[in-house]
Amino acid sequence: MTQADDRLLESLEGSNMVLSPRILAVNTDYSRHYVSERLAILLDAQLVEKEDEGLYRITERGKGYLSGEVEAKTLEDATD
C-alpha cells in the first residue's frame, strides 16, 4: 500500500460518492494514469469496487483498512 492508495481511499470515503479516475486525479494531484493503476490494485485487494465502467466506490473492506481494522500487511500478501 502506498500513500497514494490512502489518499484515494480517503477521497472516496470522504465524498461518499462514486468517482472516476479523472475526478480522483484532479482532487489528489496524481496523474489520471497513475490513479487508474492504483485503482486496479485496490480493486484486486477488494478495497474498491466498480460501480460502472470507469466509476469506483470504496468497499466496507476499504473502510476497514482506513480505520485500522484491516492490516496493510494482509493486503500486500493478497496482492503479491
Protein backbone atom coordinates (compact mmCIF):
# COMPACT_ATOMS: atom_id res chain seq x y z
CA MET A 1 0.00 0.00 0.00
CA THR A 2 1.20 3.48 -0.82
CA GLN A 3 0.45 6.97 0.41
CA ALA A 4 -1.45 7.45 -2.85
CA ASP A 5 -3.65 4.45 -2.04
CA ASP A 6 -4.53 6.00 1.31
CA ARG A 7 -5.34 9.34 -0.33
CA LEU A 8 -7.53 7.69 -2.97
CA LEU A 9 -9.43 5.67 -0.39
CA GLU A 10 -9.83 8.71 1.85
CA SER A 11 -11.16 10.71 -1.09
CA LEU A 12 -13.69 8.02 -1.93
CA GLU A 13 -14.78 7.64 1.67
CA GLY A 14 -14.90 11.38 2.36
CA SER A 15 -17.01 12.13 -0.69
CA ASN A 16 -19.35 9.18 -0.13
CA MET A 17 -19.73 9.22 -3.91
CA VAL A 18 -18.90 7.08 -6.91
CA LEU A 19 -15.91 8.72 -8.60
CA SER A 20 -13.90 8.35 -11.81
CA PRO A 21 -10.10 8.19 -12.04
CA ARG A 22 -10.17 11.64 -13.64
CA ILE A 23 -12.04 13.22 -10.72
CA LEU A 24 -9.79 11.46 -8.21
CA ALA A 25 -6.69 12.63 -10.10
CA VAL A 26 -7.82 16.26 -10.08
CA ASN A 27 -8.52 16.14 -6.35
CA THR A 28 -5.36 14.29 -5.29
CA ASP A 29 -2.78 15.86 -7.65
CA TYR A 30 -1.83 12.49 -9.16
CA SER A 31 -1.98 11.78 -12.89
CA ARG A 32 -5.07 10.03 -14.21
CA HIS A 33 -2.88 7.20 -15.49
CA TYR A 34 -1.32 6.67 -12.05
CA VAL A 35 -4.72 6.81 -10.34
CA SER A 36 -6.04 4.18 -12.76
CA GLU A 37 -3.07 1.91 -12.00
CA ARG A 38 -3.57 2.26 -8.25
CA LEU A 39 -7.34 1.70 -8.54
CA ALA A 40 -6.66 -1.60 -10.33
CA ILE A 41 -4.55 -2.70 -7.36
CA LEU A 42 -7.17 -1.51 -4.87
CA LEU A 43 -9.81 -3.38 -6.87
CA ASP A 44 -7.75 -6.60 -6.68
CA ALA A 45 -7.43 -6.09 -2.92
CA GLN A 46 -11.22 -5.57 -2.70
CA LEU A 47 -10.81 -2.12 -1.18
CA VAL A 48 -12.78 -0.51 -4.01
CA GLU A 49 -15.41 -1.83 -6.38
CA LYS A 50 -16.50 -0.79 -9.83
CA GLU A 51 -19.94 0.74 -9.83
CA ASP A 52 -19.94 1.06 -13.60
CA GLU A 53 -17.29 1.30 -16.31
CA GLY A 54 -14.73 3.81 -15.05
CA LEU A 55 -16.56 4.57 -11.79
CA TYR A 56 -15.40 3.40 -8.36
CA ARG A 57 -16.62 3.38 -4.79
CA ILE A 58 -14.94 2.34 -1.55
CA THR A 59 -15.96 -1.03 -0.08
CA GLU A 60 -16.57 -1.96 3.54
CA ARG A 61 -13.15 -3.64 3.46
CA GLY A 62 -11.66 -0.36 2.23
CA LYS A 63 -13.31 1.48 5.10
CA GLY A 64 -11.94 -1.18 7.44
CA TYR A 65 -8.45 -0.59 6.11
CA LEU A 66 -8.74 3.16 6.71
CA SER A 67 -9.99 2.60 10.27
CA GLY A 68 -7.18 0.13 11.03
CA GLU A 69 -9.39 -2.96 11.14
CA VAL A 70 -7.65 -4.47 8.08
CA GLU A 71 -3.86 -4.52 8.21
CA ALA A 72 -1.81 -3.37 5.21
CA LYS A 73 0.40 -6.48 5.54
CA THR A 74 -2.64 -8.68 4.93
CA LEU A 75 -3.44 -6.72 1.77
CA GLU A 76 0.13 -6.85 0.48
CA ASP A 77 0.19 -10.63 0.93
CA ALA A 78 -3.09 -10.94 -1.00
CA THR A 79 -1.90 -8.86 -3.96
CA ASP A 80 1.58 -10.44 -4.35
